[in-house]
Structures are given as C-alpha cells and as structure tokens.
Amino acid sequence: MSDNAPVTVTIFDDGPIKIEGNVSLVDENGKVLPNDTGEAIFLCRCGASADKPFCDGSHHDCSFASKLTA
C-alpha cells in the first residue's frame, strides 16, 4: 500500500468502525498497536470485544445499536 493512499473510515450501523489505508494505531502512551497485515482495521464500538480495541463480532451478541448518517 502506498504511503500516499487515501484513508477511508466507515462506521457500520450497529457495528464496528472500519479503517482502510496506511494508518498507525497508537495508544495514549505512544505505544503503536500492531497492524502489520496491511488489511483493513475494524475497531470495536460496542465495548464487548475481548480483543479491544479491535472488533471480534461481539456486537452481534450484546444488542449494540447505533445508527449514524453523514
């Protein structure tokens, strides 16, 4: 993936945030969270994921509901 590739953020209704592009996830202490696959990142919004900050699909089981429109 090119360093100049655009970054796209998609917020799914009742689900995660999908981030595509050349990005780094950094915690509040400056530690970079590993993402060396080059694939899209899915971030949890429901708070139930066992793999936070990443989505593990738990939103399907916890009745998470959130609809956002642009």
Protein backbone atom coordinates (compact mmCIF):
# COMPACT_ATOMS: atom_id res chain seq x y z
CA MET A 1 0.00 0.00 0.00
CA SER A 2 1.35 3.41 -0.92
CA ASP A 3 2.15 5.89 1.85
CA ASN A 4 0.04 8.40 -0.08
CA ALA A 5 -3.00 6.15 -0.35
CA PRO A 6 -6.17 7.74 0.99
CA VAL A 7 -7.51 6.66 4.36
CA THR A 8 -11.16 5.69 4.47
CA VAL A 9 -13.16 5.39 7.70
CA THR A 10 -16.50 3.61 7.52
CA ILE A 11 -18.87 3.43 10.50
CA PHE A 12 -21.21 0.46 10.25
CA ASP A 13 -24.72 0.67 11.69
CA ASP A 14 -24.85 -1.43 14.86
CA GLY A 15 -21.24 -2.48 14.30
CA PRO A 16 -17.57 -1.51 14.17
CA ILE A 17 -15.52 1.25 12.61
CA LYS A 18 -13.57 0.09 9.55
CA ILE A 19 -10.32 1.91 8.73
CA GLU A 20 -8.64 1.33 5.38
CA GLY A 21 -5.36 2.88 4.31
CA ASN A 22 -1.90 3.50 5.67
CA VAL A 23 -2.54 4.26 9.34
CA SER A 24 -0.95 3.51 12.68
CA LEU A 25 -2.95 2.95 15.85
CA VAL A 26 -1.25 4.47 18.87
CA ASP A 27 -2.39 4.20 22.48
CA GLU A 28 -2.41 7.15 24.88
CA ASN A 29 1.14 6.31 25.99
CA GLY A 30 2.52 6.41 22.45
CA LYS A 31 2.74 2.64 22.05
CA VAL A 32 1.96 1.52 18.50
CA LEU A 33 -0.60 -1.27 18.33
CA PRO A 34 0.47 -3.95 15.88
CA ASN A 35 -1.17 -3.95 12.46
CA ASP A 36 1.30 -5.39 10.01
CA THR A 37 -1.16 -7.28 7.82
CA GLY A 38 -1.86 -4.32 5.54
CA GLU A 39 -5.55 -5.18 5.72
CA ALA A 40 -8.42 -3.04 6.99
CA ILE A 41 -8.69 -2.44 10.74
CA PHE A 42 -12.04 -2.94 12.48
CA LEU A 43 -12.42 -1.08 15.78
CA CYS A 44 -14.95 -2.02 18.45
CA ARG A 45 -17.74 0.44 19.26
CA CYS A 46 -19.90 -1.77 21.48
CA GLY A 47 -17.36 -2.25 24.28
CA ALA A 48 -17.93 -6.02 24.44
CA SER A 49 -14.98 -7.19 22.33
CA ALA A 50 -12.47 -9.48 24.03
CA ASP A 51 -9.87 -8.10 21.59
CA LYS A 52 -10.23 -4.35 22.26
CA PRO A 53 -9.68 -2.01 20.57
CA PHE A 54 -10.37 -4.40 17.72
CA CYS A 55 -13.80 -5.79 16.88
CA ASP A 56 -14.35 -9.50 17.42
CA GLY A 57 -18.02 -9.55 16.38
CA SER A 58 -19.38 -9.31 19.93
CA HIS A 59 -21.78 -6.55 18.84
CA HIS A 60 -23.96 -9.31 17.36
CA ASP A 61 -24.49 -10.83 20.82
CA CYS A 62 -24.84 -7.75 23.05
CA SER A 63 -27.70 -5.90 21.33
CA PHE A 64 -25.45 -2.94 20.44
CA ALA A 65 -27.40 -0.36 18.48
CA SER A 66 -26.06 2.79 16.85
CA LYS A 67 -27.06 4.30 13.56
CA LEU A 68 -25.01 7.17 12.14
CA THR A 69 -25.64 9.06 8.92
CA ALA A 70 -23.47 11.56 7.12
